[in-house]
């Protein structure tokens, strides 16, 4: 890895307020996990589109589920 990019990333992180660092850590942790294990995955994902055909989804339930899975996306609507 080029150290220039690493230095740029660290400079950007230094600009983030301390109270937001926990959210940034979660995002970086998930991202690095996907990047480092991405090459090791051999399972092919298949579509679940047919399972949901004709189903009705309550938007409030979907919004609550999204908030629990992505807490760093505060204020984003559907």
PDB file of N, CA and C in Angstrom:
ATOM      1  N   UNK A   1       0.842  -1.183   0.000  1.00  0.00           N
ATOM      2  CA  UNK A   1       0.000   0.000   0.000  1.00  0.00           C
ATOM      3  C   UNK A   1       0.876   1.232   0.000  1.00  0.00           C
ATOM      4  N   UNK A   2       0.479   2.214  -0.757  1.00  0.00           N
ATOM      5  CA  UNK A   2       1.234   3.448  -0.785  1.00  0.00           C
ATOM      6  C   UNK A   2       0.985   4.222   0.501  1.00  0.00           C
ATOM      7  N   UNK A   3       2.081   4.646   1.137  1.00  0.00           N
ATOM      8  CA  UNK A   3       1.926   5.362   2.406  1.00  0.00           C
ATOM      9  C   UNK A   3       1.286   6.726   2.203  1.00  0.00           C
ATOM     10  N   UNK A   4       1.337   7.271   0.987  1.00  0.00           N
ATOM     11  CA  UNK A   4       0.696   8.550   0.714  1.00  0.00           C
ATOM     12  C   UNK A   4      -0.803   8.508   0.968  1.00  0.00           C
ATOM     13  N   UNK A   5      -1.444   7.437   0.531  1.00  0.00           N
ATOM     14  CA  UNK A   5      -2.882   7.302   0.766  1.00  0.00           C
ATOM     15  C   UNK A   5      -3.180   7.111   2.245  1.00  0.00           C
ATOM     16  N   UNK A   6      -2.355   6.360   2.916  1.00  0.00           N
ATOM     17  CA  UNK A   6      -2.558   6.129   4.342  1.00  0.00           C
ATOM     18  C   UNK A   6      -2.463   7.455   5.103  1.00  0.00           C
ATOM     19  N   UNK A   7      -1.494   8.265   4.737  1.00  0.00           N
ATOM     20  CA  UNK A   7      -1.341   9.573   5.379  1.00  0.00           C
ATOM     21  C   UNK A   7      -2.537  10.472   5.090  1.00  0.00           C
ATOM     22  N   UNK A   8      -3.044  10.435   3.864  1.00  0.00           N
ATOM     23  CA  UNK A   8      -4.212  11.237   3.505  1.00  0.00           C
ATOM     24  C   UNK A   8      -5.434  10.812   4.310  1.00  0.00           C
ATOM     25  N   UNK A   9      -5.610   9.508   4.456  1.00  0.00           N
ATOM     26  CA  UNK A   9      -6.741   8.988   5.226  1.00  0.00           C
ATOM     27  C   UNK A   9      -6.640   9.423   6.679  1.00  0.00           C
ATOM     28  N   UNK A  10      -5.443   9.314   7.250  1.00  0.00           N
ATOM     29  CA  UNK A  10      -5.251   9.702   8.651  1.00  0.00           C
ATOM     30  C   UNK A  10      -5.486  11.205   8.846  1.00  0.00           C
ATOM     31  N   UNK A  11      -5.096  12.029   7.888  1.00  0.00           N
ATOM     32  CA  UNK A  11      -5.350  13.473   7.972  1.00  0.00           C
ATOM     33  C   UNK A  11      -6.852  13.757   7.945  1.00  0.00           C
ATOM     34  N   UNK A  12      -7.582  13.032   7.109  1.00  0.00           N
ATOM     35  CA  UNK A  12      -9.029  13.213   7.055  1.00  0.00           C
ATOM     36  C   UNK A  12      -9.677  12.790   8.371  1.00  0.00           C
ATOM     37  N   UNK A  13      -9.196  11.708   8.945  1.00  0.00           N
ATOM     38  CA  UNK A  13      -9.742  11.226  10.221  1.00  0.00           C
ATOM     39  C   UNK A  13      -9.485  12.233  11.320  1.00  0.00           C
ATOM     40  N   UNK A  14      -8.333  12.905  11.282  1.00  0.00           N
ATOM     41  CA  UNK A  14      -8.014  13.922  12.292  1.00  0.00           C
ATOM     42  C   UNK A  14      -9.006  15.088  12.273  1.00  0.00           C
ATOM     43  N   UNK A  15      -9.677  15.319  11.161  1.00  0.00           N
ATOM     44  CA  UNK A  15     -10.638  16.412  11.033  1.00  0.00           C
ATOM     45  C   UNK A  15     -11.997  16.080  11.657  1.00  0.00           C
ATOM     46  N   UNK A  16     -12.242  14.817  11.938  1.00  0.00           N
ATOM     47  CA  UNK A  16     -13.543  14.377  12.443  1.00  0.00           C
ATOM     48  C   UNK A  16     -13.654  14.688  13.932  1.00  0.00           C
ATOM     49  N   UNK A  17     -14.777  15.272  14.369  1.00  0.00           N
ATOM     50  CA  UNK A  17     -14.972  15.544  15.804  1.00  0.00           C
ATOM     51  C   UNK A  17     -14.961  14.252  16.619  1.00  0.00           C
ATOM     52  N   UNK A  18     -14.451  14.351  17.836  1.00  0.00           N
ATOM     53  CA  UNK A  18     -14.319  13.173  18.703  1.00  0.00           C
ATOM     54  C   UNK A  18     -15.634  12.444  18.934  1.00  0.00           C
ATOM     55  N   UNK A  19     -16.738  13.181  19.015  1.00  0.00           N
ATOM     56  CA  UNK A  19     -18.015  12.530  19.289  1.00  0.00           C
ATOM     57  C   UNK A  19     -18.538  11.731  18.103  1.00  0.00           C
ATOM     58  N   UNK A  20     -17.924  11.870  16.925  1.00  0.00           N
ATOM     59  CA  UNK A  20     -18.338  11.121  15.735  1.00  0.00           C
ATOM     60  C   UNK A  20     -17.400   9.957  15.413  1.00  0.00           C
ATOM     61  N   UNK A  21     -16.317   9.832  16.156  1.00  0.00           N
ATOM     62  CA  UNK A  21     -15.326   8.803  15.842  1.00  0.00           C
ATOM     63  C   UNK A  21     -15.846   7.375  16.009  1.00  0.00           C
ATOM     64  N   UNK A  22     -16.764   7.159  16.925  1.00  0.00           N
ATOM     65  CA  UNK A  22     -17.314   5.803  17.109  1.00  0.00           C
ATOM     66  C   UNK A  22     -18.032   5.346  15.842  1.00  0.00           C
ATOM     67  N   UNK A  23     -18.793   6.248  15.219  1.00  0.00           N
ATOM     68  CA  UNK A  23     -19.492   5.905  13.978  1.00  0.00           C
ATOM     69  C   UNK A  23     -18.507   5.655  12.847  1.00  0.00           C
ATOM     70  N   UNK A  24     -17.479   6.474  12.777  1.00  0.00           N
ATOM     71  CA  UNK A  24     -16.461   6.302  11.729  1.00  0.00           C
ATOM     72  C   UNK A  24     -15.748   4.966  11.923  1.00  0.00           C
ATOM     73  N   UNK A  25     -15.456   4.608  13.174  1.00  0.00           N
ATOM     74  CA  UNK A  25     -14.802   3.332  13.434  1.00  0.00           C
ATOM     75  C   UNK A  25     -15.662   2.170  12.939  1.00  0.00           C
ATOM     76  N   UNK A  26     -16.970   2.209  13.220  1.00  0.00           N
ATOM     77  CA  UNK A  26     -17.862   1.131  12.782  1.00  0.00           C
ATOM     78  C   UNK A  26     -17.838   0.989  11.261  1.00  0.00           C
ATOM     79  N   UNK A  27     -17.881   2.115  10.582  1.00  0.00           N
ATOM     80  CA  UNK A  27     -17.887   2.096   9.120  1.00  0.00           C
ATOM     81  C   UNK A  27     -16.576   1.528   8.588  1.00  0.00           C
ATOM     82  N   UNK A  28     -15.459   2.006   9.135  1.00  0.00           N
ATOM     83  CA  UNK A  28     -14.147   1.526   8.683  1.00  0.00           C
ATOM     84  C   UNK A  28     -13.978   0.047   8.998  1.00  0.00           C
ATOM     85  N   UNK A  29     -14.443  -0.378  10.160  1.00  0.00           N
ATOM     86  CA  UNK A  29     -14.338  -1.792  10.544  1.00  0.00           C
ATOM     87  C   UNK A  29     -15.110  -2.677   9.566  1.00  0.00           C
ATOM     88  N   UNK A  30     -16.330  -2.279   9.223  1.00  0.00           N
ATOM     89  CA  UNK A  30     -17.130  -3.047   8.264  1.00  0.00           C
ATOM     90  C   UNK A  30     -16.481  -3.046   6.886  1.00  0.00           C
ATOM     91  N   UNK A  31     -15.994  -1.895   6.471  1.00  0.00           N
ATOM     92  CA  UNK A  31     -15.373  -1.763   5.156  1.00  0.00           C
ATOM     93  C   UNK A  31     -14.110  -2.615   5.051  1.00  0.00           C
ATOM     94  N   UNK A  32     -13.249  -2.548   6.031  1.00  0.00           N
ATOM     95  CA  UNK A  32     -12.021  -3.350   5.965  1.00  0.00           C
ATOM     96  C   UNK A  32     -12.329  -4.840   6.030  1.00  0.00           C
ATOM     97  N   UNK A  33     -13.360  -5.203   6.775  1.00  0.00           N
ATOM     98  CA  UNK A  33     -13.756  -6.609   6.813  1.00  0.00           C
ATOM     99  C   UNK A  33     -14.204  -7.099   5.449  1.00  0.00           C
ATOM    100  N   UNK A  34     -14.967  -6.277   4.737  1.00  0.00           N
ATOM    101  CA  UNK A  34     -15.427  -6.645   3.394  1.00  0.00           C
ATOM    102  C   UNK A  34     -14.268  -6.697   2.405  1.00  0.00           C
ATOM    103  N   UNK A  35     -13.360  -5.736   2.508  1.00  0.00           N
ATOM    104  CA  UNK A  35     -12.237  -5.682   1.569  1.00  0.00           C
ATOM    105  C   UNK A  35     -11.286  -6.856   1.779  1.00  0.00           C
ATOM    106  N   UNK A  36     -10.954  -7.149   3.027  1.00  0.00           N
ATOM    107  CA  UNK A  36      -9.972  -8.203   3.294  1.00  0.00           C
ATOM    108  C   UNK A  36     -10.537  -9.596   3.104  1.00  0.00           C
ATOM    109  N   UNK A  37     -11.824  -9.780   3.366  1.00  0.00           N
ATOM    110  CA  UNK A  37     -12.395 -11.120   3.208  1.00  0.00           C
ATOM    111  C   UNK A  37     -13.109 -11.274   1.870  1.00  0.00           C
ATOM    112  N   UNK A  38     -13.203 -10.224   1.089  1.00  0.00           N
ATOM    113  CA  UNK A  38     -13.913 -10.265  -0.182  1.00  0.00           C
ATOM    114  C   UNK A  38     -13.332 -11.280  -1.145  1.00  0.00           C
ATOM    115  N   UNK A  39     -12.017 -11.414  -1.175  1.00  0.00           N
ATOM    116  CA  UNK A  39     -11.378 -12.352  -2.096  1.00  0.00           C
ATOM    117  C   UNK A  39     -11.553 -13.795  -1.640  1.00  0.00           C
ATOM    118  N   UNK A  40     -11.795 -14.006  -0.358  1.00  0.00           N
ATOM    119  CA  UNK A  40     -11.908 -15.360   0.187  1.00  0.00           C
ATOM    120  C   UNK A  40     -13.292 -15.968   0.000  1.00  0.00           C
ATOM    121  N   UNK A  41     -14.288 -15.140  -0.278  1.00  0.00           N
ATOM    122  CA  UNK A  41     -15.654 -15.646  -0.408  1.00  0.00           C
ATOM    123  C   UNK A  41     -15.810 -16.448  -1.695  1.00  0.00           C
ATOM    124  N   UNK A  42     -16.400 -17.601  -1.561  1.00  0.00           N
ATOM    125  CA  UNK A  42     -16.653 -18.425  -2.733  1.00  0.00           C
ATOM    126  C   UNK A  42     -18.137 -18.717  -2.904  1.00  0.00           C
ATOM    127  N   UNK A  43     -18.952 -18.289  -1.938  1.00  0.00           N
ATOM    128  CA  UNK A  43     -20.382 -18.537  -1.995  1.00  0.00           C
ATOM    129  C   UNK A  43     -21.023 -17.520  -2.929  1.00  0.00           C
ATOM    130  N   UNK A  44     -21.787 -18.013  -3.881  1.00  0.00           N
ATOM    131  CA  UNK A  44     -22.464 -17.133  -4.819  1.00  0.00           C
ATOM    132  C   UNK A  44     -23.799 -16.714  -4.225  1.00  0.00           C
ATOM    133  N   UNK A  45     -24.054 -15.415  -4.225  1.00  0.00           N
ATOM    134  CA  UNK A  45     -25.323 -14.920  -3.714  1.00  0.00           C
ATOM    135  C   UNK A  45     -26.400 -15.086  -4.777  1.00  0.00           C
ATOM    136  N   UNK A  46     -27.554 -15.492  -4.331  1.00  0.00           N
ATOM    137  CA  UNK A  46     -28.679 -15.655  -5.250  1.00  0.00           C
ATOM    138  C   UNK A  46     -29.770 -14.661  -4.886  1.00  0.00           C
ATOM    139  N   UNK A  47     -30.625 -14.364  -5.821  1.00  0.00           N
ATOM    140  CA  UNK A  47     -31.680 -13.392  -5.623  1.00  0.00           C
ATOM    141  C   UNK A  47     -32.821 -13.973  -4.794  1.00  0.00           C
ATOM    142  N   UNK A  48     -33.390 -13.144  -3.940  1.00  0.00           N
ATOM    143  CA  UNK A  48     -34.565 -13.521  -3.151  1.00  0.00           C
ATOM    144  C   UNK A  48     -35.827 -12.850  -3.700  1.00  0.00           C
ATOM    145  N   UNK A  49     -35.702 -12.269  -4.893  1.00  0.00           N
ATOM    146  CA  UNK A  49     -36.802 -11.505  -5.477  1.00  0.00           C
ATOM    147  C   UNK A  49     -38.098 -12.322  -5.541  1.00  0.00           C
ATOM    148  N   UNK A  50     -38.064 -13.545  -5.939  1.00  0.00           N
ATOM    149  CA  UNK A  50     -39.256 -14.367  -6.074  1.00  0.00           C
ATOM    150  C   UNK A  50     -39.959 -14.628  -4.754  1.00  0.00           C
ATOM    151  N   UNK A  51     -39.213 -14.651  -3.667  1.00  0.00           N
ATOM    152  CA  UNK A  51     -39.795 -14.901  -2.349  1.00  0.00           C
ATOM    153  C   UNK A  51     -40.714 -13.759  -1.932  1.00  0.00           C
ATOM    154  N   UNK A  52     -40.360 -12.535  -2.291  1.00  0.00           N
ATOM    155  CA  UNK A  52     -41.096 -11.362  -1.839  1.00  0.00           C
ATOM    156  C   UNK A  52     -42.241 -10.964  -2.774  1.00  0.00           C
ATOM    157  N   UNK A  53     -42.449 -11.677  -3.833  1.00  0.00           N
ATOM    158  CA  UNK A  53     -43.462 -11.304  -4.823  1.00  0.00           C
ATOM    159  C   UNK A  53     -44.845 -11.208  -4.169  1.00  0.00           C
ATOM    160  N   UNK A  54     -45.473 -10.048  -4.333  1.00  0.00           N
ATOM    161  CA  UNK A  54     -46.822  -9.830  -3.805  1.00  0.00           C
ATOM    162  C   UNK A  54     -46.883  -9.485  -2.332  1.00  0.00           C
ATOM    163  N   UNK A  55     -45.757  -9.417  -1.639  1.00  0.00           N
ATOM    164  CA  UNK A  55     -45.749  -9.106  -0.212  1.00  0.00           C
ATOM    165  C   UNK A  55     -45.943  -7.619   0.026  1.00  0.00           C
ATOM    166  N   UNK A  56     -46.589  -7.300   1.118  1.00  0.00           N
ATOM    167  CA  UNK A  56     -46.770  -5.916   1.547  1.00  0.00           C
ATOM    168  C   UNK A  56     -45.855  -5.678   2.749  1.00  0.00           C
ATOM    169  N   UNK A  57     -45.104  -4.574   2.695  1.00  0.00           N
ATOM    170  CA  UNK A  57     -44.180  -4.254   3.783  1.00  0.00           C
ATOM    171  C   UNK A  57     -44.604  -2.933   4.408  1.00  0.00           C
ATOM    172  N   UNK A  58     -44.787  -2.950   5.713  1.00  0.00           N
ATOM    173  CA  UNK A  58     -45.117  -1.753   6.457  1.00  0.00           C
ATOM    174  C   UNK A  58     -43.868  -0.878   6.516  1.00  0.00           C
ATOM    175  N   UNK A  59     -43.948   0.357   6.004  1.00  0.00           N
ATOM    176  CA  UNK A  59     -42.789   1.243   5.954  1.00  0.00           C
ATOM    177  C   UNK A  59     -42.189   1.517   7.323  1.00  0.00           C
ATOM    178  N   UNK A  60     -43.002   1.614   8.360  1.00  0.00           N
ATOM    179  CA  UNK A  60     -42.464   1.909   9.689  1.00  0.00           C
ATOM    180  C   UNK A  60     -41.611   0.746  10.202  1.00  0.00           C
ATOM    181  N   UNK A  61     -42.006  -0.478   9.908  1.00  0.00           N
ATOM    182  CA  UNK A  61     -41.215  -1.647  10.313  1.00  0.00           C
ATOM    183  C   UNK A  61     -39.894  -1.674   9.544  1.00  0.00           C
ATOM    184  N   UNK A  62     -39.967  -1.366   8.262  1.00  0.00           N
ATOM    185  CA  UNK A  62     -38.757  -1.320   7.440  1.00  0.00           C
ATOM    186  C   UNK A  62     -37.800  -0.241   7.947  1.00  0.00           C
ATOM    187  N   UNK A  63     -38.341   0.939   8.272  1.00  0.00           N
ATOM    188  CA  UNK A  63     -37.513   2.042   8.767  1.00  0.00           C
ATOM    189  C   UNK A  63     -36.839   1.673  10.075  1.00  0.00           C
ATOM    190  N   UNK A  64     -37.566   1.058  10.996  1.00  0.00           N
ATOM    191  CA  UNK A  64     -36.978   0.645  12.272  1.00  0.00           C
ATOM    192  C   UNK A  64     -35.889  -0.407  12.067  1.00  0.00           C
ATOM    193  N   UNK A  65     -36.129  -1.352  11.178  1.00  0.00           N
ATOM    194  CA  UNK A  65     -35.121  -2.376  10.903  1.00  0.00           C
ATOM    195  C   UNK A  65     -33.873  -1.752  10.305  1.00  0.00           C
ATOM    196  N   UNK A  66     -34.063  -0.803   9.405  1.00  0.00           N
ATOM    197  CA  UNK A  66     -32.917  -0.129   8.781  1.00  0.00           C
ATOM    198  C   UNK A  66     -32.115   0.640   9.824  1.00  0.00           C
ATOM    199  N   UNK A  67     -32.802   1.328  10.742  1.00  0.00           N
ATOM    200  CA  UNK A  67     -32.112   2.075  11.797  1.00  0.00           C
ATOM    201  C   UNK A  67     -31.274   1.143  12.674  1.00  0.00           C
ATOM    202  N   UNK A  68     -31.796  -0.050  12.956  1.00  0.00           N
ATOM    203  CA  UNK A  68     -31.058  -0.972  13.815  1.00  0.00           C
ATOM    204  C   UNK A  68     -29.842  -1.565  13.099  1.00  0.00           C
ATOM    205  N   UNK A  69     -29.935  -1.710  11.784  1.00  0.00           N
ATOM    206  CA  UNK A  69     -28.815  -2.268  11.028  1.00  0.00           C
ATOM    207  C   UNK A  69     -27.784  -1.218  10.639  1.00  0.00           C
ATOM    208  N   UNK A  70     -28.227   0.023  10.418  1.00  0.00           N
ATOM    209  CA  UNK A  70     -27.345   1.090   9.952  1.00  0.00           C
ATOM    210  C   UNK A  70     -27.485   2.316  10.851  1.00  0.00           C
ATOM    211  N   UNK A  71     -27.038   2.243  12.103  1.00  0.00           N
ATOM    212  CA  UNK A  71     -27.234   3.363  13.035  1.00  0.00           C
ATOM    213  C   UNK A  71     -26.471   4.626  12.635  1.00  0.00           C
ATOM    214  N   UNK A  72     -25.483   4.512  11.780  1.00  0.00           N
ATOM    215  CA  UNK A  72     -24.711   5.679  11.362  1.00  0.00           C
ATOM    216  C   UNK A  72     -25.419   6.485  10.285  1.00  0.00           C
ATOM    217  N   UNK A  73     -26.561   6.026   9.771  1.00  0.00           N
ATOM    218  CA  UNK A  73     -27.324   6.729   8.742  1.00  0.00           C
ATOM    219  C   UNK A  73     -28.446   7.546   9.392  1.00  0.00           C
ATOM    220  N   UNK A  74     -28.128   8.366  10.355  1.00  0.00           N
ATOM    221  CA  UNK A  74     -29.153   9.144  11.056  1.00  0.00           C
ATOM    222  C   UNK A  74     -29.768  10.177  10.128  1.00  0.00           C
ATOM    223  N   UNK A  75     -31.086  10.281  10.175  1.00  0.00           N
ATOM    224  CA  UNK A  75     -31.797  11.293   9.434  1.00  0.00           C
ATOM    225  C   UNK A  75     -32.094  10.960   7.993  1.00  0.00           C
ATOM    226  N   UNK A  76     -31.661   9.811   7.504  1.00  0.00           N
ATOM    227  CA  UNK A  76     -31.939   9.453   6.111  1.00  0.00           C
ATOM    228  C   UNK A  76     -33.284   8.770   6.029  1.00  0.00           C
ATOM    229  N   UNK A  77     -34.127   9.262   5.183  1.00  0.00           N
ATOM    230  CA  UNK A  77     -35.424   8.644   4.963  1.00  0.00           C
ATOM    231  C   UNK A  77     -35.347   7.629   3.860  1.00  0.00           C
ATOM    232  N   UNK A  78     -36.457   6.984   3.613  1.00  0.00           N
ATOM    233  CA  UNK A  78     -36.493   5.973   2.558  1.00  0.00           C
ATOM    234  C   UNK A  78     -36.739   6.652   1.231  1.00  0.00           C
TER     235      UNK A  78
END
